[in-house]
Amino acid sequence: MATDIDRSDHPVAGMIIPLVTALDPRGRPDPPAVRPLLAHLADAGVTTLMLAGTNGEGPLLTAGAVRTYAAEVSVMWRELVGASARIMVAATGTGTGETLERMERLDGLDLDAVVVLAPTYFRHTESELHAHFRAAARHGRPVVVYNSPGYTGNPIPVSVMRRLLDEPGIVGLKDSSGDAALFAEFCALTGERPGFQVAQGVERQLADGLRAGAAGLVPGVGMLAPAVCVDLLKAGRHGDHATAAALQHDVDRLAALFGVRPGASGVVVIKTALHLLGLCPPHAAAPFLPLTEAELAGLRAALARIHDLVRPHDPQPI
């Protein structure tokens, strides 16, 4: 179901949902189990999915598992949404070699772009970061650079992104740095090369990101209340910043759920919340652990506080 927010075929334009990876109790991808969530998103007017990112637990899954999931989910999504459907998959490797291997495992899939993070573990120079993304850009698919220094430890400076504008394969940037000034500088780069666009990946800065020039938004909590996030995007796109700011307050209320278990274990929180709403299984990849009884009680209480934003489709016991 396309909406007026989806006027561009660009991979990072519009509302982008960083989809969870539905897993069975043994930690294996279970694509059919995500079907209720896909229908929930499509009904709200979402057209673009990003698979195997942070919310998708991509770094914890094998390249084969990511391919299996992406292959089946992309077919389901295109059947649901039709010609306006767009799919991106993250290829996350410790270094350039592993990143390219993960990209190769996606060959043959009907994707609109591959999302590539900076290398992890070691700290790298600007020249090394440039070489890493340049190699990915020349693999043959459109590449969206993903700046997530909190996870990679390697922030991507504006100077590197400006050099990467010379690579036709680099089509966009998702920024999750949380640095508003840096984000504005990234958005300014869109005027230096046609076809290059930027998406805001920080949930608490969606409205500000649109004001700075973001083409797209990537909120994980959009899985819980996609209509809220879609309405925020519409308001910002139409210059109704007062409405966008009010809806940002609702998004902030949704993001407060992550306080149940702060940190990367927010993956477990959102999966459990989605399960309680009847949208997908709660299982997460090892070494993630299920919520404790105390955490689960806290999550139920937190969901009750935002009952006006999220509605159970088929409430599940847990």
C-alpha atoms as a PDB file:
ATOM      1  CA  MET A   1       0.000   0.000   0.000  1.00  0.00           C
ATOM      2  CA  ALA A   2       1.872   3.073  -1.235  1.00  0.00           C
ATOM      3  CA  THR A   3       1.352   6.526   0.262  1.00  0.00           C
ATOM      4  CA  ASP A   4       2.380  10.044  -0.664  1.00  0.00           C
ATOM      5  CA  ILE A   5       5.505   9.590   1.442  1.00  0.00           C
ATOM      6  CA  ASP A   6       6.829   7.078  -1.077  1.00  0.00           C
ATOM      7  CA  ARG A   7       7.274   9.209  -4.164  1.00  0.00           C
ATOM      8  CA  SER A   8      10.907   8.278  -4.685  1.00  0.00           C
ATOM      9  CA  ASP A   9      12.394   4.965  -5.678  1.00  0.00           C
ATOM     10  CA  HIS A  10      15.528   5.823  -3.722  1.00  0.00           C
ATOM     11  CA  PRO A  11      16.376   3.129  -1.127  1.00  0.00           C
ATOM     12  CA  VAL A  12      16.705   5.569   1.790  1.00  0.00           C
ATOM     13  CA  ALA A  13      13.709   7.777   0.956  1.00  0.00           C
ATOM     14  CA  GLY A  14      10.585   7.410   3.080  1.00  0.00           C
ATOM     15  CA  MET A  15       9.810   5.256   6.085  1.00  0.00           C
ATOM     16  CA  ILE A  16      12.346   2.443   6.447  1.00  0.00           C
ATOM     17  CA  ILE A  17      11.683  -0.279   8.992  1.00  0.00           C
ATOM     18  CA  PRO A  18      14.758  -2.104  10.375  1.00  0.00           C
ATOM     19  CA  LEU A  19      12.994  -5.451  10.575  1.00  0.00           C
ATOM     20  CA  VAL A  20      13.633  -8.053  13.265  1.00  0.00           C
ATOM     21  CA  THR A  21      14.717 -11.529  12.211  1.00  0.00           C
ATOM     22  CA  ALA A  22      12.067 -14.017  13.292  1.00  0.00           C
ATOM     23  CA  LEU A  23      13.790 -17.057  14.795  1.00  0.00           C
ATOM     24  CA  ASP A  24      12.527 -20.426  15.973  1.00  0.00           C
ATOM     25  CA  PRO A  25      13.338 -21.671  19.519  1.00  0.00           C
ATOM     26  CA  ARG A  26      16.626 -23.138  18.226  1.00  0.00           C
ATOM     27  CA  GLY A  27      17.749 -19.822  16.780  1.00  0.00           C
ATOM     28  CA  ARG A  28      17.097 -20.662  13.133  1.00  0.00           C
ATOM     29  CA  PRO A  29      15.466 -18.148  10.759  1.00  0.00           C
ATOM     30  CA  ASP A  30      11.691 -18.618  10.590  1.00  0.00           C
ATOM     31  CA  PRO A  31      10.490 -16.321   7.778  1.00  0.00           C
ATOM     32  CA  PRO A  32       6.795 -17.335   7.831  1.00  0.00           C
ATOM     33  CA  ALA A  33       6.611 -16.295  11.495  1.00  0.00           C
ATOM     34  CA  VAL A  34       7.173 -12.649  10.559  1.00  0.00           C
ATOM     35  CA  ARG A  35       4.162 -12.528   8.234  1.00  0.00           C
ATOM     36  CA  PRO A  36       1.822 -10.867  10.821  1.00  0.00           C
ATOM     37  CA  LEU A  37       4.393  -8.123  11.363  1.00  0.00           C
ATOM     38  CA  LEU A  38       4.790  -7.576   7.619  1.00  0.00           C
ATOM     39  CA  ALA A  39       1.020  -7.209   7.239  1.00  0.00           C
ATOM     40  CA  HIS A  40       0.990  -4.762  10.175  1.00  0.00           C
ATOM     41  CA  LEU A  41       3.642  -2.625   8.454  1.00  0.00           C
ATOM     42  CA  ALA A  42       2.065  -2.769   5.016  1.00  0.00           C
ATOM     43  CA  ASP A  43      -1.319  -1.723   6.428  1.00  0.00           C
ATOM     44  CA  ALA A  44       0.320   1.443   7.809  1.00  0.00           C
ATOM     45  CA  GLY A  45       1.778   2.390   4.428  1.00  0.00           C
ATOM     46  CA  VAL A  46       5.383   1.284   4.967  1.00  0.00           C
ATOM     47  CA  THR A  47       7.135   0.270   1.750  1.00  0.00           C
ATOM     48  CA  THR A  48      10.822  -0.168   2.672  1.00  0.00           C
ATOM     49  CA  LEU A  49      12.462  -2.793   4.875  1.00  0.00           C
ATOM     50  CA  MET A  50      16.045  -3.080   6.055  1.00  0.00           C
ATOM     51  CA  LEU A  51      16.981  -6.636   7.047  1.00  0.00           C
ATOM     52  CA  ALA A  52      19.872  -7.957   9.149  1.00  0.00           C
ATOM     53  CA  GLY A  53      20.717  -4.641  10.773  1.00  0.00           C
ATOM     54  CA  THR A  54      20.971  -4.074  14.526  1.00  0.00           C
ATOM     55  CA  ASN A  55      17.311  -4.885  15.174  1.00  0.00           C
ATOM     56  CA  GLY A  56      17.691  -7.791  12.765  1.00  0.00           C
ATOM     57  CA  GLU A  57      20.656  -9.216  14.744  1.00  0.00           C
ATOM     58  CA  GLY A  58      22.626  -9.427  11.501  1.00  0.00           C
ATOM     59  CA  PRO A  59      26.096  -9.571  13.074  1.00  0.00           C
ATOM     60  CA  LEU A  60      25.025 -12.604  15.162  1.00  0.00           C
ATOM     61  CA  LEU A  61      23.695 -14.554  12.187  1.00  0.00           C
ATOM     62  CA  THR A  62      25.649 -16.477   9.587  1.00  0.00           C
ATOM     63  CA  ALA A  63      25.734 -15.192   6.033  1.00  0.00           C
ATOM     64  CA  GLY A  64      23.707 -18.234   5.011  1.00  0.00           C
ATOM     65  CA  ALA A  65      21.021 -17.527   7.605  1.00  0.00           C
ATOM     66  CA  VAL A  66      20.774 -13.914   6.454  1.00  0.00           C
ATOM     67  CA  ARG A  67      20.391 -15.020   2.840  1.00  0.00           C
ATOM     68  CA  THR A  68      17.704 -17.571   3.723  1.00  0.00           C
ATOM     69  CA  TYR A  69      15.704 -14.995   5.636  1.00  0.00           C
ATOM     70  CA  ALA A  70      16.140 -12.246   3.052  1.00  0.00           C
ATOM     71  CA  ALA A  71      15.151 -14.523   0.184  1.00  0.00           C
ATOM     72  CA  GLU A  72      11.813 -15.500   1.727  1.00  0.00           C
ATOM     73  CA  VAL A  73      10.946 -12.195   3.378  1.00  0.00           C
ATOM     74  CA  SER A  74      11.626 -10.206   0.209  1.00  0.00           C
ATOM     75  CA  VAL A  75       9.155 -12.372  -1.714  1.00  0.00           C
ATOM     76  CA  MET A  76       6.484 -12.005   0.981  1.00  0.00           C
ATOM     77  CA  TRP A  77       7.032  -8.255   1.189  1.00  0.00           C
ATOM     78  CA  ARG A  78       6.830  -7.673  -2.554  1.00  0.00           C
ATOM     79  CA  GLU A  79       3.637  -9.741  -2.702  1.00  0.00           C
ATOM     80  CA  LEU A  80       2.130  -7.617   0.103  1.00  0.00           C
ATOM     81  CA  VAL A  81       3.207  -4.176  -1.066  1.00  0.00           C
ATOM     82  CA  GLY A  82       3.521  -4.559  -4.815  1.00  0.00           C
ATOM     83  CA  ALA A  83       5.619  -2.419  -7.130  1.00  0.00           C
ATOM     84  CA  SER A  84       6.464   0.163  -4.444  1.00  0.00           C
ATOM     85  CA  ALA A  85       8.165  -2.424  -2.188  1.00  0.00           C
ATOM     86  CA  ARG A  86      11.840  -1.877  -1.476  1.00  0.00           C
ATOM     87  CA  ILE A  87      14.273  -4.179   0.342  1.00  0.00           C
ATOM     88  CA  MET A  88      17.749  -3.541   1.740  1.00  0.00           C
ATOM     89  CA  VAL A  89      19.957  -6.032   3.577  1.00  0.00           C
ATOM     90  CA  ALA A  90      22.876  -5.172   5.849  1.00  0.00           C
ATOM     91  CA  ALA A  91      26.230  -6.848   5.241  1.00  0.00           C
ATOM     92  CA  THR A  92      28.207  -6.541   8.459  1.00  0.00           C
ATOM     93  CA  GLY A  93      31.746  -7.884   8.647  1.00  0.00           C
ATOM     94  CA  THR A  94      34.647  -7.415  11.035  1.00  0.00           C
ATOM     95  CA  GLY A  95      36.761  -6.398   8.056  1.00  0.00           C
ATOM     96  CA  THR A  96      36.477  -5.762   4.341  1.00  0.00           C
ATOM     97  CA  GLY A  97      36.955  -9.405   3.379  1.00  0.00           C
ATOM     98  CA  GLU A  98      34.076 -10.655   5.504  1.00  0.00           C
ATOM     99  CA  THR A  99      31.877  -7.774   4.375  1.00  0.00           C
ATOM    100  CA  LEU A 100      32.455  -8.659   0.719  1.00  0.00           C
ATOM    101  CA  GLU A 101      31.798 -12.338   1.435  1.00  0.00           C
ATOM    102  CA  ARG A 102      28.484 -11.440   3.038  1.00  0.00           C
ATOM    103  CA  MET A 103      27.625  -9.284   0.033  1.00  0.00           C
ATOM    104  CA  GLU A 104      28.436 -12.196  -2.284  1.00  0.00           C
ATOM    105  CA  ARG A 105      26.052 -14.452  -0.367  1.00  0.00           C
ATOM    106  CA  LEU A 106      23.279 -12.015  -1.297  1.00  0.00           C
ATOM    107  CA  ASP A 107      23.959 -12.376  -5.034  1.00  0.00           C
ATOM    108  CA  GLY A 108      20.878 -13.374  -6.988  1.00  0.00           C
ATOM    109  CA  LEU A 109      18.402 -11.847  -4.539  1.00  0.00           C
ATOM    110  CA  ASP A 110      16.036  -9.090  -5.656  1.00  0.00           C
ATOM    111  CA  LEU A 111      17.367  -6.250  -3.489  1.00  0.00           C
ATOM    112  CA  ASP A 112      17.349  -2.484  -3.911  1.00  0.00           C
ATOM    113  CA  ALA A 113      20.581  -1.897  -1.976  1.00  0.00           C
ATOM    114  CA  VAL A 114      23.037  -3.411   0.474  1.00  0.00           C
ATOM    115  CA  VAL A 115      23.723  -1.566   3.721  1.00  0.00           C
ATOM    116  CA  VAL A 116      27.403  -1.595   4.711  1.00  0.00           C
ATOM    117  CA  LEU A 117      28.858  -0.670   8.092  1.00  0.00           C
ATOM    118  CA  ALA A 118      32.400   0.357   8.928  1.00  0.00           C
ATOM    119  CA  PRO A 119      34.761  -2.436  10.034  1.00  0.00           C
ATOM    120  CA  THR A 120      34.599  -3.413  13.703  1.00  0.00           C
ATOM    121  CA  TYR A 121      37.014  -4.313  16.526  1.00  0.00           C
ATOM    122  CA  PHE A 122      40.138  -2.465  15.265  1.00  0.00           C
ATOM    123  CA  ARG A 123      40.190   1.308  14.936  1.00  0.00           C
ATOM    124  CA  HIS A 124      40.854   2.434  11.383  1.00  0.00           C
ATOM    125  CA  THR A 125      42.216   5.502   9.641  1.00  0.00           C
ATOM    126  CA  GLU A 126      40.170   7.626   7.278  1.00  0.00           C
ATOM    127  CA  SER A 127      42.052   6.144   4.319  1.00  0.00           C
ATOM    128  CA  GLU A 128      41.232   2.624   5.512  1.00  0.00           C
ATOM    129  CA  LEU A 129      37.558   3.475   5.945  1.00  0.00           C
ATOM    130  CA  HIS A 130      37.482   4.987   2.473  1.00  0.00           C
ATOM    131  CA  ALA A 131      39.094   1.859   0.997  1.00  0.00           C
ATOM    132  CA  HIS A 132      36.591  -0.379   2.808  1.00  0.00           C
ATOM    133  CA  PHE A 133      33.518   1.387   1.438  1.00  0.00           C
ATOM    134  CA  ARG A 134      35.097   1.827  -1.976  1.00  0.00           C
ATOM    135  CA  ALA A 135      35.563  -1.946  -2.205  1.00  0.00           C
ATOM    136  CA  ALA A 136      31.944  -2.511  -1.219  1.00  0.00           C
ATOM    137  CA  ALA A 137      30.735   0.080  -3.743  1.00  0.00           C
ATOM    138  CA  ARG A 138      32.529  -1.721  -6.550  1.00  0.00           C
ATOM    139  CA  HIS A 139      30.961  -5.069  -5.745  1.00  0.00           C
ATOM    140  CA  GLY A 140      28.113  -4.330  -8.138  1.00  0.00           C
ATOM    141  CA  ARG A 141      25.102  -3.404  -5.993  1.00  0.00           C
ATOM    142  CA  PRO A 142      23.930   0.021  -4.787  1.00  0.00           C
ATOM    143  CA  VAL A 143      25.439   0.601  -1.346  1.00  0.00           C
ATOM    144  CA  VAL A 144      24.033   2.573   1.572  1.00  0.00           C
ATOM    145  CA  VAL A 145      26.748   3.496   4.067  1.00  0.00           C
ATOM    146  CA  TYR A 146      25.676   2.941   7.685  1.00  0.00           C
ATOM    147  CA  ASN A 147      27.343   5.200  10.251  1.00  0.00           C
ATOM    148  CA  SER A 148      26.857   3.540  13.644  1.00  0.00           C
ATOM    149  CA  PRO A 149      29.963   4.388  15.683  1.00  0.00           C
ATOM    150  CA  GLY A 150      28.408   3.175  18.933  1.00  0.00           C
ATOM    151  CA  TYR A 151      28.547  -0.363  17.562  1.00  0.00           C
ATOM    152  CA  THR A 152      31.527  -0.317  15.193  1.00  0.00           C
ATOM    153  CA  GLY A 153      33.860   1.982  17.126  1.00  0.00           C
ATOM    154  CA  ASN A 154      34.734   3.603  13.782  1.00  0.00           C
ATOM    155  CA  PRO A 155      32.871   6.870  13.185  1.00  0.00           C
ATOM    156  CA  ILE A 156      32.615   7.913   9.555  1.00  0.00           C
ATOM    157  CA  PRO A 157      33.673  11.547   9.150  1.00  0.00           C
ATOM    158  CA  VAL A 158      32.224  13.938   6.591  1.00  0.00           C
ATOM    159  CA  SER A 159      35.593  13.999   4.820  1.00  0.00           C
ATOM    160  CA  VAL A 160      35.316  10.278   4.048  1.00  0.00           C
ATOM    161  CA  MET A 161      31.712  10.575   2.869  1.00  0.00           C
ATOM    162  CA  ARG A 162      32.645  13.468   0.594  1.00  0.00           C
ATOM    163  CA  ARG A 163      35.346  11.324  -1.042  1.00  0.00           C
ATOM    164  CA  LEU A 164      32.862   8.483  -1.409  1.00  0.00           C
ATOM    165  CA  LEU A 165      30.574  10.702  -3.479  1.00  0.00           C
ATOM    166  CA  ASP A 166      32.992   9.921  -6.316  1.00  0.00           C
ATOM    167  CA  GLU A 167      31.813   6.296  -6.167  1.00  0.00           C
ATOM    168  CA  PRO A 168      28.606   5.877  -8.201  1.00  0.00           C
ATOM    169  CA  GLY A 169      27.810   2.728  -6.246  1.00  0.00           C
ATOM    170  CA  ILE A 170      27.399   4.726  -3.024  1.00  0.00           C
ATOM    171  CA  VAL A 171      23.786   5.908  -3.151  1.00  0.00           C
ATOM    172  CA  GLY A 172      23.060   6.967   0.403  1.00  0.00           C
ATOM    173  CA  LEU A 173      23.843   7.099   4.097  1.00  0.00           C
ATOM    174  CA  LYS A 174      22.013   5.967   7.200  1.00  0.00           C
ATOM    175  CA  ASP A 175      23.358   7.906  10.175  1.00  0.00           C
ATOM    176  CA  SER A 176      22.857   6.618  13.725  1.00  0.00           C
ATOM    177  CA  SER A 177      25.552   8.725  15.370  1.00  0.00           C
ATOM    178  CA  GLY A 178      23.132  10.920  17.307  1.00  0.00           C
ATOM    179  CA  ASP A 179      25.310  13.943  16.470  1.00  0.00           C
ATOM    180  CA  ALA A 180      22.891  16.557  15.128  1.00  0.00           C
ATOM    181  CA  ALA A 181      25.607  18.833  13.759  1.00  0.00           C
ATOM    182  CA  LEU A 182      27.267  15.932  11.948  1.00  0.00           C
ATOM    183  CA  PHE A 183      23.910  14.834  10.555  1.00  0.00           C
ATOM    184  CA  ALA A 184      23.306  18.291   9.134  1.00  0.00           C
ATOM    185  CA  GLU A 185      26.710  18.150   7.429  1.00  0.00           C
ATOM    186  CA  PHE A 186      25.832  14.763   5.926  1.00  0.00           C
ATOM    187  CA  CYS A 187      22.554  16.167   4.619  1.00  0.00           C
ATOM    188  CA  ALA A 188      24.444  19.064   3.045  1.00  0.00           C
ATOM    189  CA  LEU A 189      26.368  16.532   0.957  1.00  0.00           C
ATOM    190  CA  THR A 190      23.167  15.632  -0.897  1.00  0.00           C
ATOM    191  CA  GLY A 191      23.517  18.888  -2.782  1.00  0.00           C
ATOM    192  CA  GLU A 192      26.951  17.881  -4.038  1.00  0.00           C
ATOM    193  CA  ARG A 193      25.854  14.811  -6.004  1.00  0.00           C
ATOM    194  CA  PRO A 194      22.483  13.991  -7.542  1.00  0.00           C
ATOM    195  CA  GLY A 195      21.041  10.722  -6.306  1.00  0.00           C
ATOM    196  CA  PHE A 196      22.778  10.684  -2.935  1.00  0.00           C
ATOM    197  CA  GLN A 197      20.372  10.844   0.024  1.00  0.00           C
ATOM    198  CA  VAL A 198      20.526  10.548   3.813  1.00  0.00           C
ATOM    199  CA  ALA A 199      18.312   8.814   6.397  1.00  0.00           C
ATOM    200  CA  GLN A 200      18.050   9.483  10.134  1.00  0.00           C
ATOM    201  CA  GLY A 201      18.528   6.347  12.239  1.00  0.00           C
ATOM    202  CA  VAL A 202      18.147   7.849  15.725  1.00  0.00           C
ATOM    203  CA  GLU A 203      14.577   7.454  16.956  1.00  0.00           C
ATOM    204  CA  ARG A 204      14.618  10.459  19.267  1.00  0.00           C
ATOM    205  CA  GLN A 205      15.787  12.744  16.447  1.00  0.00           C
ATOM    206  CA  LEU A 206      13.358  11.886  13.642  1.00  0.00           C
ATOM    207  CA  ALA A 207      11.598  15.266  13.466  1.00  0.00           C
ATOM    208  CA  ASP A 208      14.883  17.156  13.741  1.00  0.00           C
ATOM    209  CA  GLY A 209      16.352  14.927  11.052  1.00  0.00           C
ATOM    210  CA  LEU A 210      13.601  15.890   8.621  1.00  0.00           C
ATOM    211  CA  ARG A 211      14.178  19.564   9.348  1.00  0.00           C
ATOM    212  CA  ALA A 212      17.885  19.045   8.592  1.00  0.00           C
ATOM    213  CA  GLY A 213      17.098  17.516   5.205  1.00  0.00           C
ATOM    214  CA  ALA A 214      16.702  13.775   5.772  1.00  0.00           C
ATOM    215  CA  ALA A 215      15.063  11.901   2.911  1.00  0.00           C
ATOM    216  CA  GLY A 216      14.157   8.949   5.115  1.00  0.00           C
ATOM    217  CA  LEU A 217      13.672   7.749   8.676  1.00  0.00           C
ATOM    218  CA  VAL A 218      14.708   4.396  10.177  1.00  0.00           C
ATOM    219  CA  PRO A 219      12.935   3.877  13.535  1.00  0.00           C
ATOM    220  CA  GLY A 220      13.063   0.463  15.183  1.00  0.00           C
ATOM    221  CA  VAL A 221       9.968   1.329  17.215  1.00  0.00           C
ATOM    222  CA  GLY A 222       8.196   1.735  13.901  1.00  0.00           C
ATOM    223  CA  MET A 223       7.547  -1.996  14.122  1.00  0.00           C
ATOM    224  CA  LEU A 224       5.357  -1.369  17.165  1.00  0.00           C
ATOM    225  CA  ALA A 225       3.481   1.683  15.887  1.00  0.00           C
ATOM    226  CA  PRO A 226       4.235   2.194  12.195  1.00  0.00           C
ATOM    227  CA  ALA A 227       1.319   4.581  11.637  1.00  0.00           C
ATOM    228  CA  VAL A 228       2.746   7.025  14.195  1.00  0.00           C
ATOM    229  CA  CYS A 229       6.090   7.086  12.403  1.00  0.00           C
ATOM    230  CA  VAL A 230       4.506   7.344   8.953  1.00  0.00           C
ATOM    231  CA  ASP A 231       2.396  10.289  10.128  1.00  0.00           C
ATOM    232  CA  LEU A 232       5.500  11.976  11.536  1.00  0.00           C
ATOM    233  CA  LEU A 233       7.243  11.598   8.192  1.00  0.00           C
ATOM    234  CA  LYS A 234       4.244  12.989   6.325  1.00  0.00           C
ATOM    235  CA  ALA A 235       4.046  16.005   8.631  1.00  0.00           C
ATOM    236  CA  GLY A 236       7.752  16.750   8.316  1.00  0.00           C
ATOM    237  CA  ARG A 237       7.663  16.343   4.551  1.00  0.00           C
ATOM    238  CA  HIS A 238       4.779  18.820   4.318  1.00  0.00           C
ATOM    239  CA  GLY A 239       6.512  21.386   6.525  1.00  0.00           C
ATOM    240  CA  ASP A 240       4.116  20.870   9.445  1.00  0.00           C
ATOM    241  CA  HIS A 241       6.855  20.815  12.028  1.00  0.00           C
ATOM    242  CA  ALA A 242       4.513  21.385  14.981  1.00  0.00           C
ATOM    243  CA  THR A 243       2.680  18.155  14.205  1.00  0.00           C
ATOM    244  CA  ALA A 244       5.966  16.367  13.576  1.00  0.00           C
ATOM    245  CA  ALA A 245       7.243  17.535  16.981  1.00  0.00           C
ATOM    246  CA  ALA A 246       4.076  16.274  18.691  1.00  0.00           C
ATOM    247  CA  LEU A 247       4.430  12.910  16.988  1.00  0.00           C
ATOM    248  CA  GLN A 248       8.114  12.849  17.976  1.00  0.00           C
ATOM    249  CA  HIS A 249       6.895  12.932  21.567  1.00  0.00           C
ATOM    250  CA  ASP A 250       4.901   9.763  20.851  1.00  0.00           C
ATOM    251  CA  VAL A 251       7.963   8.128  19.307  1.00  0.00           C
ATOM    252  CA  ASP A 252       9.937   9.040  22.432  1.00  0.00           C
ATOM    253  CA  ARG A 253       7.277   7.319  24.526  1.00  0.00           C
ATOM    254  CA  LEU A 254       7.699   4.199  22.405  1.00  0.00           C
ATOM    255  CA  ALA A 255      11.489   4.350  22.705  1.00  0.00           C
ATOM    256  CA  ALA A 256      11.172   4.428  26.503  1.00  0.00           C
ATOM    257  CA  LEU A 257      10.467   0.677  26.271  1.00  0.00           C
ATOM    258  CA  PHE A 258      14.185   0.096  25.815  1.00  0.00           C
ATOM    259  CA  GLY A 259      14.720   1.182  29.402  1.00  0.00           C
ATOM    260  CA  VAL A 260      13.455  -2.256  30.421  1.00  0.00           C
ATOM    261  CA  ARG A 261      16.903  -3.589  29.508  1.00  0.00           C
ATOM    262  CA  PRO A 262      19.237  -0.840  28.272  1.00  0.00           C
ATOM    263  CA  GLY A 263      21.927  -1.418  25.669  1.00  0.00           C
ATOM    264  CA  ALA A 264      22.072  -3.786  22.725  1.00  0.00           C
ATOM    265  CA  SER A 265      19.645  -6.053  24.548  1.00  0.00           C
ATOM    266  CA  GLY A 266      16.986  -3.661  23.300  1.00  0.00           C
ATOM    267  CA  VAL A 267      16.733  -6.305  20.585  1.00  0.00           C
ATOM    268  CA  VAL A 268      15.250  -8.692  23.166  1.00  0.00           C
ATOM    269  CA  VAL A 269      12.908  -6.004  24.464  1.00  0.00           C
ATOM    270  CA  ILE A 270      11.448  -5.134  21.079  1.00  0.00           C
ATOM    271  CA  LYS A 271      11.110  -8.771  20.046  1.00  0.00           C
ATOM    272  CA  THR A 272       9.323  -9.609  23.272  1.00  0.00           C
ATOM    273  CA  ALA A 273       7.053  -6.582  22.884  1.00  0.00           C
ATOM    274  CA  LEU A 274       6.216  -7.639  19.330  1.00  0.00           C
ATOM    275  CA  HIS A 275       5.452 -11.139  20.586  1.00  0.00           C
ATOM    276  CA  LEU A 276       3.110  -9.810  23.265  1.00  0.00           C
ATOM    277  CA  LEU A 277       1.333  -7.896  20.505  1.00  0.00           C
ATOM    278  CA  GLY A 278       0.981 -11.062  18.407  1.00  0.00           C
ATOM    279  CA  LEU A 279       3.359  -9.943  15.658  1.00  0.00           C
ATOM    280  CA  CYS A 280       6.412 -12.252  15.812  1.00  0.00           C
ATOM    281  CA  PRO A 281       8.223 -14.800  18.031  1.00  0.00           C
ATOM    282  CA  PRO A 282      10.320 -13.540  20.970  1.00  0.00           C
ATOM    283  CA  HIS A 283      13.399 -15.704  20.329  1.00  0.00           C
ATOM    284  CA  ALA A 284      16.755 -13.940  19.882  1.00  0.00           C
ATOM    285  CA  ALA A 285      20.151 -15.194  18.732  1.00  0.00           C
ATOM    286  CA  ALA A 286      22.729 -16.341  21.271  1.00  0.00           C
ATOM    287  CA  PRO A 287      24.171 -14.998  23.463  1.00  0.00           C
ATOM    288  CA  PHE A 288      21.045 -12.863  24.007  1.00  0.00           C
ATOM    289  CA  LEU A 289      18.920 -14.149  26.890  1.00  0.00           C
ATOM    290  CA  PRO A 290      15.140 -13.858  27.357  1.00  0.00           C
ATOM    291  CA  LEU A 291      13.783 -11.184  29.650  1.00  0.00           C
ATOM    292  CA  THR A 292      13.715 -12.068  33.332  1.00  0.00           C
ATOM    293  CA  GLU A 293      10.375 -12.174  35.139  1.00  0.00           C
ATOM    294  CA  ALA A 294      11.085  -8.731  36.580  1.00  0.00           C
ATOM    295  CA  GLU A 295      11.978  -7.338  33.147  1.00  0.00           C
ATOM    296  CA  LEU A 296       8.901  -8.916  31.615  1.00  0.00           C
ATOM    297  CA  ALA A 297       6.719  -7.304  34.262  1.00  0.00           C
ATOM    298  CA  GLY A 298       8.391  -3.984  33.506  1.00  0.00           C
ATOM    299  CA  LEU A 299       7.738  -4.432  29.782  1.00  0.00           C
ATOM    300  CA  ARG A 300       4.067  -5.211  30.346  1.00  0.00           C
ATOM    301  CA  ALA A 301       3.755  -2.075  32.460  1.00  0.00           C
ATOM    302  CA  ALA A 302       5.561  -0.019  29.819  1.00  0.00           C
ATOM    303  CA  LEU A 303       3.264  -1.333  27.075  1.00  0.00           C
ATOM    304  CA  ALA A 304       0.243  -0.457  29.191  1.00  0.00           C
ATOM    305  CA  ARG A 305       1.485   3.145  29.355  1.00  0.00           C
ATOM    306  CA  ILE A 306       1.515   3.395  25.570  1.00  0.00           C
ATOM    307  CA  HIS A 307      -1.692   1.464  24.906  1.00  0.00           C
ATOM    308  CA  ASP A 308      -2.978   4.434  22.908  1.00  0.00           C
ATOM    309  CA  LEU A 309      -0.121   3.951  20.412  1.00  0.00           C
ATOM    310  CA  VAL A 310       0.073   0.157  20.097  1.00  0.00           C
ATOM    311  CA  ARG A 311      -2.797  -2.281  19.805  1.00  0.00           C
ATOM    312  CA  PRO A 312      -2.473  -6.061  20.135  1.00  0.00           C
ATOM    313  CA  HIS A 313      -3.351  -7.961  16.973  1.00  0.00           C
ATOM    314  CA  ASP A 314      -3.418 -11.400  18.599  1.00  0.00           C
ATOM    315  CA  PRO A 315      -2.050 -11.024  22.148  1.00  0.00           C
ATOM    316  CA  GLN A 316       0.299 -13.826  23.128  1.00  0.00           C
ATOM    317  CA  PRO A 317       1.018 -15.271  26.570  1.00  0.00           C
ATOM    318  CA  ILE A 318       4.606 -15.449  27.689  1.00  0.00           C
END
